[in-house]
């Protein structure tokens, strides 16, 4: 297996008004890895949704705390790791979206993330506070 090449490490406040800067940085990095604009847009959407879920559900819109995005390329795979410092979530069941039959605004972020990414998992960070969400996407090169 090829060694992972770190392409980005970006720490930002867990506030929705900082997501535009995150998206810019992510687009810049993805531009060097994929010629598919559609794929880049999908990845930016999925990472943005994951960050918004952290802001809303891990930090509970509390405006305190940070998120760290790490982006690595390993062979044909892109790995996106989001680390927060909020109360620890216990299982991946919390990453399941609401049933699609329930027609109402919101609640589709997990569906979008799982549809776009090839692998989504919470990594045990072995601390009382903090969560690490890792997402993987294979690039069509």
N, C-alpha and C. Protein backbone atom coordinates (compact mmCIF):
# COMPACT_ATOMS: atom_id res chain seq x y z
N UNK A 1 0.85 -1.18 0.00
CA UNK A 1 0.00 0.00 0.00
C UNK A 1 0.89 1.24 0.00
N UNK A 2 0.53 2.22 -0.79
CA UNK A 2 1.32 3.45 -0.90
C UNK A 2 1.25 4.25 0.40
N UNK A 3 2.33 4.94 0.69
CA UNK A 3 2.35 5.81 1.87
C UNK A 3 1.41 7.00 1.66
N UNK A 4 0.80 7.44 2.74
CA UNK A 4 -0.11 8.58 2.65
C UNK A 4 0.67 9.87 2.55
N UNK A 5 0.22 10.74 1.67
CA UNK A 5 0.81 12.07 1.50
C UNK A 5 -0.16 13.10 2.06
N UNK A 6 0.26 13.82 3.09
CA UNK A 6 -0.61 14.83 3.70
C UNK A 6 -0.66 16.05 2.77
N UNK A 7 -1.88 16.41 2.38
CA UNK A 7 -2.09 17.53 1.47
C UNK A 7 -2.58 18.79 2.17
N UNK A 8 -3.23 18.59 3.33
CA UNK A 8 -3.79 19.74 4.03
C UNK A 8 -4.02 19.39 5.49
N UNK A 9 -3.73 20.34 6.34
CA UNK A 9 -4.16 20.31 7.73
C UNK A 9 -4.63 21.72 8.05
N UNK A 10 -5.92 21.85 8.34
CA UNK A 10 -6.52 23.16 8.53
C UNK A 10 -7.40 23.14 9.77
N UNK A 11 -7.09 23.99 10.73
CA UNK A 11 -7.87 24.10 11.96
C UNK A 11 -8.68 25.38 11.89
N UNK A 12 -9.97 25.29 12.24
CA UNK A 12 -10.84 26.45 12.17
C UNK A 12 -11.89 26.38 13.26
N UNK A 13 -12.45 27.54 13.65
CA UNK A 13 -13.50 27.56 14.67
C UNK A 13 -14.74 26.80 14.18
N UNK A 14 -15.37 26.08 15.06
CA UNK A 14 -16.57 25.30 14.73
C UNK A 14 -17.78 26.21 14.65
N UNK A 15 -17.78 27.06 13.63
CA UNK A 15 -18.86 28.01 13.38
C UNK A 15 -19.18 27.98 11.89
N UNK A 16 -20.45 28.01 11.56
CA UNK A 16 -20.86 27.86 10.16
C UNK A 16 -20.29 28.94 9.25
N UNK A 17 -20.04 30.14 9.77
CA UNK A 17 -19.51 31.19 8.90
C UNK A 17 -18.05 30.95 8.50
N UNK A 18 -17.40 29.94 9.05
CA UNK A 18 -16.03 29.59 8.66
C UNK A 18 -16.00 28.49 7.61
N UNK A 19 -17.16 27.94 7.26
CA UNK A 19 -17.19 26.85 6.30
C UNK A 19 -16.83 27.29 4.89
N UNK A 20 -17.06 28.55 4.54
CA UNK A 20 -16.69 29.01 3.19
C UNK A 20 -15.17 28.98 3.01
N UNK A 21 -14.42 29.30 4.04
CA UNK A 21 -12.96 29.24 3.97
C UNK A 21 -12.52 27.78 3.85
N UNK A 22 -13.15 26.91 4.62
CA UNK A 22 -12.85 25.48 4.53
C UNK A 22 -13.08 24.98 3.11
N UNK A 23 -14.22 25.33 2.52
CA UNK A 23 -14.55 24.87 1.17
C UNK A 23 -13.52 25.37 0.15
N UNK A 24 -13.08 26.62 0.29
CA UNK A 24 -12.06 27.16 -0.61
C UNK A 24 -10.78 26.36 -0.54
N UNK A 25 -10.29 26.12 0.67
CA UNK A 25 -9.05 25.36 0.87
C UNK A 25 -9.19 23.94 0.33
N UNK A 26 -10.33 23.33 0.56
CA UNK A 26 -10.56 21.98 0.09
C UNK A 26 -10.61 21.92 -1.43
N UNK A 27 -11.28 22.87 -2.07
CA UNK A 27 -11.32 22.93 -3.53
C UNK A 27 -9.92 23.08 -4.12
N UNK A 28 -9.12 23.90 -3.48
CA UNK A 28 -7.75 24.12 -3.94
C UNK A 28 -6.95 22.81 -3.92
N UNK A 29 -7.05 22.08 -2.83
CA UNK A 29 -6.34 20.80 -2.70
C UNK A 29 -6.87 19.78 -3.70
N UNK A 30 -8.19 19.69 -3.82
CA UNK A 30 -8.79 18.71 -4.72
C UNK A 30 -8.47 19.00 -6.18
N UNK A 31 -8.26 20.27 -6.50
CA UNK A 31 -7.92 20.65 -7.87
C UNK A 31 -6.62 20.03 -8.34
N UNK A 32 -5.74 19.71 -7.40
CA UNK A 32 -4.47 19.08 -7.76
C UNK A 32 -4.59 17.56 -7.85
N UNK A 33 -5.72 17.01 -7.42
CA UNK A 33 -5.86 15.55 -7.34
C UNK A 33 -6.86 14.96 -8.33
N UNK A 34 -7.82 15.75 -8.75
CA UNK A 34 -8.87 15.23 -9.63
C UNK A 34 -9.24 16.27 -10.67
N UNK A 35 -9.39 15.81 -11.90
CA UNK A 35 -9.80 16.72 -12.98
C UNK A 35 -11.32 16.80 -13.08
N UNK A 36 -12.03 15.96 -12.32
CA UNK A 36 -13.49 15.94 -12.38
C UNK A 36 -14.08 17.00 -11.45
N UNK A 37 -14.68 18.01 -12.05
CA UNK A 37 -15.33 19.05 -11.25
C UNK A 37 -16.50 18.48 -10.46
N UNK A 38 -17.22 17.54 -11.06
CA UNK A 38 -18.36 16.91 -10.38
C UNK A 38 -17.90 16.19 -9.12
N UNK A 39 -16.80 15.44 -9.22
CA UNK A 39 -16.27 14.72 -8.05
C UNK A 39 -15.81 15.71 -6.99
N UNK A 40 -15.11 16.76 -7.40
CA UNK A 40 -14.66 17.77 -6.43
C UNK A 40 -15.85 18.40 -5.72
N UNK A 41 -16.89 18.75 -6.46
CA UNK A 41 -18.08 19.36 -5.85
C UNK A 41 -18.75 18.41 -4.87
N UNK A 42 -18.83 17.14 -5.21
CA UNK A 42 -19.44 16.15 -4.31
C UNK A 42 -18.63 16.01 -3.02
N UNK A 43 -17.31 15.95 -3.14
CA UNK A 43 -16.46 15.82 -1.95
C UNK A 43 -16.60 17.04 -1.06
N UNK A 44 -16.58 18.22 -1.66
CA UNK A 44 -16.73 19.46 -0.88
C UNK A 44 -18.09 19.46 -0.17
N UNK A 45 -19.13 19.00 -0.84
CA UNK A 45 -20.46 18.92 -0.23
C UNK A 45 -20.44 17.97 0.97
N UNK A 46 -19.86 16.78 0.79
CA UNK A 46 -19.84 15.78 1.87
C UNK A 46 -19.04 16.27 3.07
N UNK A 47 -17.88 16.84 2.84
CA UNK A 47 -17.05 17.33 3.95
C UNK A 47 -17.74 18.50 4.64
N UNK A 48 -18.36 19.37 3.87
CA UNK A 48 -19.10 20.50 4.44
C UNK A 48 -20.26 20.02 5.30
N UNK A 49 -20.99 19.00 4.83
CA UNK A 49 -22.10 18.44 5.61
C UNK A 49 -21.58 17.83 6.91
N UNK A 50 -20.45 17.14 6.84
CA UNK A 50 -19.87 16.53 8.04
C UNK A 50 -19.48 17.61 9.05
N UNK A 51 -18.89 18.70 8.55
CA UNK A 51 -18.52 19.81 9.45
C UNK A 51 -19.76 20.44 10.07
N UNK A 52 -20.80 20.62 9.28
CA UNK A 52 -22.03 21.21 9.81
C UNK A 52 -22.65 20.30 10.87
N UNK A 53 -22.57 18.98 10.67
CA UNK A 53 -23.06 18.05 11.68
C UNK A 53 -22.26 18.17 12.97
N UNK A 54 -20.95 18.36 12.86
CA UNK A 54 -20.12 18.55 14.05
C UNK A 54 -20.55 19.82 14.77
N UNK A 55 -20.74 20.89 14.02
CA UNK A 55 -21.13 22.17 14.62
C UNK A 55 -22.48 22.04 15.32
N UNK A 56 -23.45 21.43 14.64
CA UNK A 56 -24.80 21.34 15.19
C UNK A 56 -24.97 20.28 16.27
N UNK A 57 -24.34 19.12 16.09
CA UNK A 57 -24.63 18.00 16.98
C UNK A 57 -23.54 17.72 18.01
N UNK A 58 -22.27 17.86 17.64
CA UNK A 58 -21.20 17.62 18.62
C UNK A 58 -21.03 18.84 19.52
N UNK A 59 -20.93 20.01 18.91
CA UNK A 59 -20.78 21.24 19.69
C UNK A 59 -22.12 21.88 20.05
N UNK A 60 -23.21 21.38 19.50
CA UNK A 60 -24.57 21.88 19.79
C UNK A 60 -24.71 23.38 19.54
N UNK A 61 -24.15 23.86 18.42
CA UNK A 61 -24.21 25.27 18.03
C UNK A 61 -23.73 26.20 19.14
N UNK A 62 -22.78 25.74 19.92
CA UNK A 62 -22.32 26.45 21.09
C UNK A 62 -21.25 27.51 20.77
N UNK A 63 -20.72 27.53 19.54
CA UNK A 63 -19.73 28.51 19.08
C UNK A 63 -18.40 28.43 19.83
N UNK A 64 -18.15 27.35 20.52
CA UNK A 64 -16.87 27.20 21.19
C UNK A 64 -16.24 25.89 20.76
N UNK A 65 -15.01 25.95 20.36
CA UNK A 65 -14.30 24.76 19.94
C UNK A 65 -13.84 24.88 18.51
N UNK A 66 -12.99 23.96 18.14
CA UNK A 66 -12.40 23.95 16.81
C UNK A 66 -12.66 22.62 16.12
N UNK A 67 -12.43 22.63 14.83
CA UNK A 67 -12.43 21.44 14.00
C UNK A 67 -11.11 21.43 13.25
N UNK A 68 -10.51 20.28 13.12
CA UNK A 68 -9.31 20.13 12.31
C UNK A 68 -9.65 19.22 11.13
N UNK A 69 -9.39 19.71 9.92
CA UNK A 69 -9.52 18.89 8.72
C UNK A 69 -8.14 18.48 8.26
N UNK A 70 -7.94 17.18 8.10
CA UNK A 70 -6.71 16.67 7.50
C UNK A 70 -7.10 15.96 6.21
N UNK A 71 -6.34 16.23 5.15
CA UNK A 71 -6.58 15.59 3.86
C UNK A 71 -5.30 14.88 3.46
N UNK A 72 -5.44 13.60 3.14
CA UNK A 72 -4.30 12.80 2.70
C UNK A 72 -4.65 12.09 1.40
N UNK A 73 -3.63 11.88 0.60
CA UNK A 73 -3.78 11.07 -0.62
C UNK A 73 -2.96 9.82 -0.42
N UNK A 74 -3.59 8.68 -0.64
CA UNK A 74 -2.90 7.40 -0.50
C UNK A 74 -3.25 6.57 -1.73
N UNK A 75 -2.32 6.53 -2.67
CA UNK A 75 -2.61 5.87 -3.94
C UNK A 75 -3.74 6.59 -4.65
N UNK A 76 -4.80 5.84 -4.99
CA UNK A 76 -5.97 6.44 -5.65
C UNK A 76 -7.04 6.87 -4.66
N UNK A 77 -6.73 6.84 -3.37
CA UNK A 77 -7.71 7.19 -2.34
C UNK A 77 -7.40 8.54 -1.71
N UNK A 78 -8.46 9.28 -1.47
CA UNK A 78 -8.36 10.51 -0.68
C UNK A 78 -8.96 10.19 0.68
N UNK A 79 -8.25 10.61 1.72
CA UNK A 79 -8.72 10.39 3.09
C UNK A 79 -8.95 11.75 3.72
N UNK A 80 -10.13 11.93 4.29
CA UNK A 80 -10.53 13.17 4.94
C UNK A 80 -10.80 12.85 6.40
N UNK A 81 -10.06 13.49 7.29
CA UNK A 81 -10.21 13.24 8.72
C UNK A 81 -10.64 14.53 9.41
N UNK A 82 -11.75 14.49 10.11
CA UNK A 82 -12.25 15.63 10.86
C UNK A 82 -12.15 15.32 12.35
N UNK A 83 -11.44 16.18 13.06
CA UNK A 83 -11.28 16.00 14.50
C UNK A 83 -11.94 17.17 15.21
N UNK A 84 -12.75 16.86 16.21
CA UNK A 84 -13.33 17.91 17.04
C UNK A 84 -12.95 17.64 18.49
N UNK A 85 -13.29 18.57 19.36
CA UNK A 85 -12.93 18.47 20.76
C UNK A 85 -14.17 18.56 21.65
N UNK A 86 -15.30 18.16 21.09
CA UNK A 86 -16.58 18.18 21.80
C UNK A 86 -16.71 16.90 22.62
N UNK A 87 -17.86 16.73 23.27
CA UNK A 87 -18.11 15.49 24.02
C UNK A 87 -18.06 14.32 23.07
N UNK A 88 -17.49 13.26 23.54
CA UNK A 88 -17.26 12.08 22.72
C UNK A 88 -18.58 11.40 22.36
N UNK A 89 -18.71 11.02 21.10
CA UNK A 89 -19.86 10.25 20.64
C UNK A 89 -19.51 8.77 20.76
N UNK A 90 -20.47 7.96 21.14
CA UNK A 90 -20.15 6.58 21.49
C UNK A 90 -20.20 5.59 20.33
N UNK A 91 -20.94 5.89 19.28
CA UNK A 91 -21.04 4.88 18.23
C UNK A 91 -21.45 5.50 16.91
N UNK A 92 -21.25 4.73 15.86
CA UNK A 92 -21.57 5.19 14.52
C UNK A 92 -23.08 5.25 14.27
N UNK A 93 -23.88 4.65 15.16
CA UNK A 93 -25.33 4.72 15.00
C UNK A 93 -25.80 6.16 15.01
N UNK A 94 -25.05 7.03 15.68
CA UNK A 94 -25.42 8.44 15.72
C UNK A 94 -25.20 9.12 14.37
N UNK A 95 -24.51 8.43 13.46
CA UNK A 95 -24.23 8.99 12.15
C UNK A 95 -25.25 8.54 11.11
N UNK A 96 -26.33 7.96 11.56
CA UNK A 96 -27.37 7.50 10.65
C UNK A 96 -28.40 8.61 10.51
N UNK A 97 -28.74 8.94 9.28
CA UNK A 97 -29.72 9.99 9.02
C UNK A 97 -31.13 9.51 9.32
N UNK A 98 -32.03 10.44 9.33
CA UNK A 98 -33.43 10.10 9.56
C UNK A 98 -33.97 9.32 8.36
N UNK A 99 -35.07 8.59 8.54
CA UNK A 99 -35.65 7.86 7.41
C UNK A 99 -36.03 8.83 6.28
N UNK A 100 -35.72 8.44 5.06
CA UNK A 100 -35.99 9.31 3.91
C UNK A 100 -37.49 9.51 3.68
N UNK A 101 -38.31 8.62 4.22
CA UNK A 101 -39.76 8.75 4.06
C UNK A 101 -40.31 9.96 4.83
N UNK A 102 -39.58 10.39 5.84
CA UNK A 102 -40.00 11.55 6.63
C UNK A 102 -39.67 12.82 5.85
N UNK A 103 -40.64 13.34 5.17
CA UNK A 103 -40.42 14.52 4.35
C UNK A 103 -40.51 15.76 5.22
N UNK A 104 -39.36 16.40 5.43
CA UNK A 104 -39.27 17.64 6.20
C UNK A 104 -37.89 18.23 5.95
N UNK A 105 -37.71 19.50 6.25
CA UNK A 105 -36.41 20.13 6.03
C UNK A 105 -35.34 19.53 6.96
N UNK A 106 -34.12 19.48 6.46
CA UNK A 106 -32.98 19.07 7.28
C UNK A 106 -32.89 17.58 7.49
N UNK A 107 -31.78 17.19 8.12
CA UNK A 107 -31.60 15.80 8.50
C UNK A 107 -31.09 14.87 7.42
N UNK A 108 -30.61 15.42 6.30
CA UNK A 108 -30.15 14.57 5.21
C UNK A 108 -28.63 14.51 5.08
N UNK A 109 -27.93 15.22 5.95
CA UNK A 109 -26.47 15.28 5.87
C UNK A 109 -25.80 13.92 5.87
N UNK A 110 -26.20 13.04 6.79
CA UNK A 110 -25.60 11.70 6.86
C UNK A 110 -25.86 10.90 5.59
N UNK A 111 -27.05 11.02 5.03
CA UNK A 111 -27.36 10.33 3.77
C UNK A 111 -26.44 10.83 2.66
N UNK A 112 -26.28 12.14 2.58
CA UNK A 112 -25.43 12.72 1.55
C UNK A 112 -23.98 12.24 1.71
N UNK A 113 -23.47 12.31 2.93
CA UNK A 113 -22.09 11.89 3.20
C UNK A 113 -21.89 10.42 2.82
N UNK A 114 -22.80 9.56 3.26
CA UNK A 114 -22.67 8.13 2.98
C UNK A 114 -22.85 7.79 1.51
N UNK A 115 -23.63 8.58 0.79
CA UNK A 115 -23.82 8.36 -0.63
C UNK A 115 -22.57 8.75 -1.43
N UNK A 116 -21.91 9.82 -1.02
CA UNK A 116 -20.75 10.33 -1.76
C UNK A 116 -19.47 9.57 -1.42
N UNK A 117 -19.24 9.35 -0.15
CA UNK A 117 -17.99 8.73 0.28
C UNK A 117 -18.05 7.21 0.18
N UNK A 118 -16.90 6.59 -0.03
CA UNK A 118 -16.82 5.14 -0.12
C UNK A 118 -16.77 4.50 1.26
N UNK A 119 -16.23 5.22 2.23
CA UNK A 119 -16.12 4.70 3.59
C UNK A 119 -16.26 5.86 4.56
N UNK A 120 -17.06 5.66 5.60
CA UNK A 120 -17.26 6.68 6.63
C UNK A 120 -17.22 5.95 7.97
N UNK A 121 -16.34 6.40 8.88
CA UNK A 121 -16.29 5.76 10.18
C UNK A 121 -15.76 6.70 11.25
N UNK A 122 -16.26 6.48 12.46
CA UNK A 122 -15.73 7.19 13.63
C UNK A 122 -14.53 6.40 14.14
N UNK A 123 -13.45 7.08 14.39
CA UNK A 123 -12.24 6.45 14.91
C UNK A 123 -12.20 6.69 16.41
N UNK A 124 -11.92 5.67 17.16
CA UNK A 124 -11.83 5.80 18.62
C UNK A 124 -10.57 6.58 18.96
N UNK A 125 -10.76 7.77 19.52
CA UNK A 125 -9.61 8.62 19.87
C UNK A 125 -9.16 8.41 21.31
N UNK A 126 -9.83 7.50 22.03
CA UNK A 126 -9.43 7.07 23.38
C UNK A 126 -9.30 8.21 24.39
N UNK A 127 -10.06 9.25 24.20
CA UNK A 127 -10.08 10.34 25.18
C UNK A 127 -11.52 10.62 25.56
N UNK A 128 -11.70 11.32 26.67
CA UNK A 128 -13.03 11.65 27.14
C UNK A 128 -13.71 12.65 26.21
N UNK A 129 -12.94 13.56 25.65
CA UNK A 129 -13.48 14.57 24.75
C UNK A 129 -12.86 14.38 23.37
N UNK A 130 -13.66 14.66 22.37
CA UNK A 130 -13.15 14.63 21.01
C UNK A 130 -13.68 13.46 20.21
N UNK A 131 -13.81 13.71 18.92
CA UNK A 131 -14.28 12.72 17.96
C UNK A 131 -13.43 12.84 16.71
N UNK A 132 -13.21 11.73 16.06
CA UNK A 132 -12.48 11.73 14.80
C UNK A 132 -13.35 10.99 13.78
N UNK A 133 -13.75 11.71 12.75
CA UNK A 133 -14.54 11.14 11.67
C UNK A 133 -13.61 10.99 10.47
N UNK A 134 -13.51 9.78 9.95
CA UNK A 134 -12.66 9.57 8.78
C UNK A 134 -13.54 9.14 7.61
N UNK A 135 -13.31 9.80 6.47
CA UNK A 135 -14.04 9.49 5.25
C UNK A 135 -13.03 9.20 4.16
N UNK A 136 -13.36 8.23 3.32
CA UNK A 136 -12.45 7.86 2.24
C UNK A 136 -13.19 7.89 0.92
N UNK A 137 -12.52 8.39 -0.11
CA UNK A 137 -13.10 8.43 -1.45
C UNK A 137 -12.06 8.00 -2.46
N UNK A 138 -12.40 7.03 -3.28
CA UNK A 138 -11.50 6.58 -4.33
C UNK A 138 -11.63 7.52 -5.52
N UNK A 139 -10.48 7.95 -6.04
CA UNK A 139 -10.47 8.83 -7.19
C UNK A 139 -10.44 8.00 -8.47
N UNK A 140 -11.19 8.43 -9.44
CA UNK A 140 -11.13 7.80 -10.76
C UNK A 140 -10.08 8.53 -11.57
N UNK A 141 -8.91 7.91 -11.65
CA UNK A 141 -7.79 8.58 -12.33
C UNK A 141 -7.67 8.07 -13.74
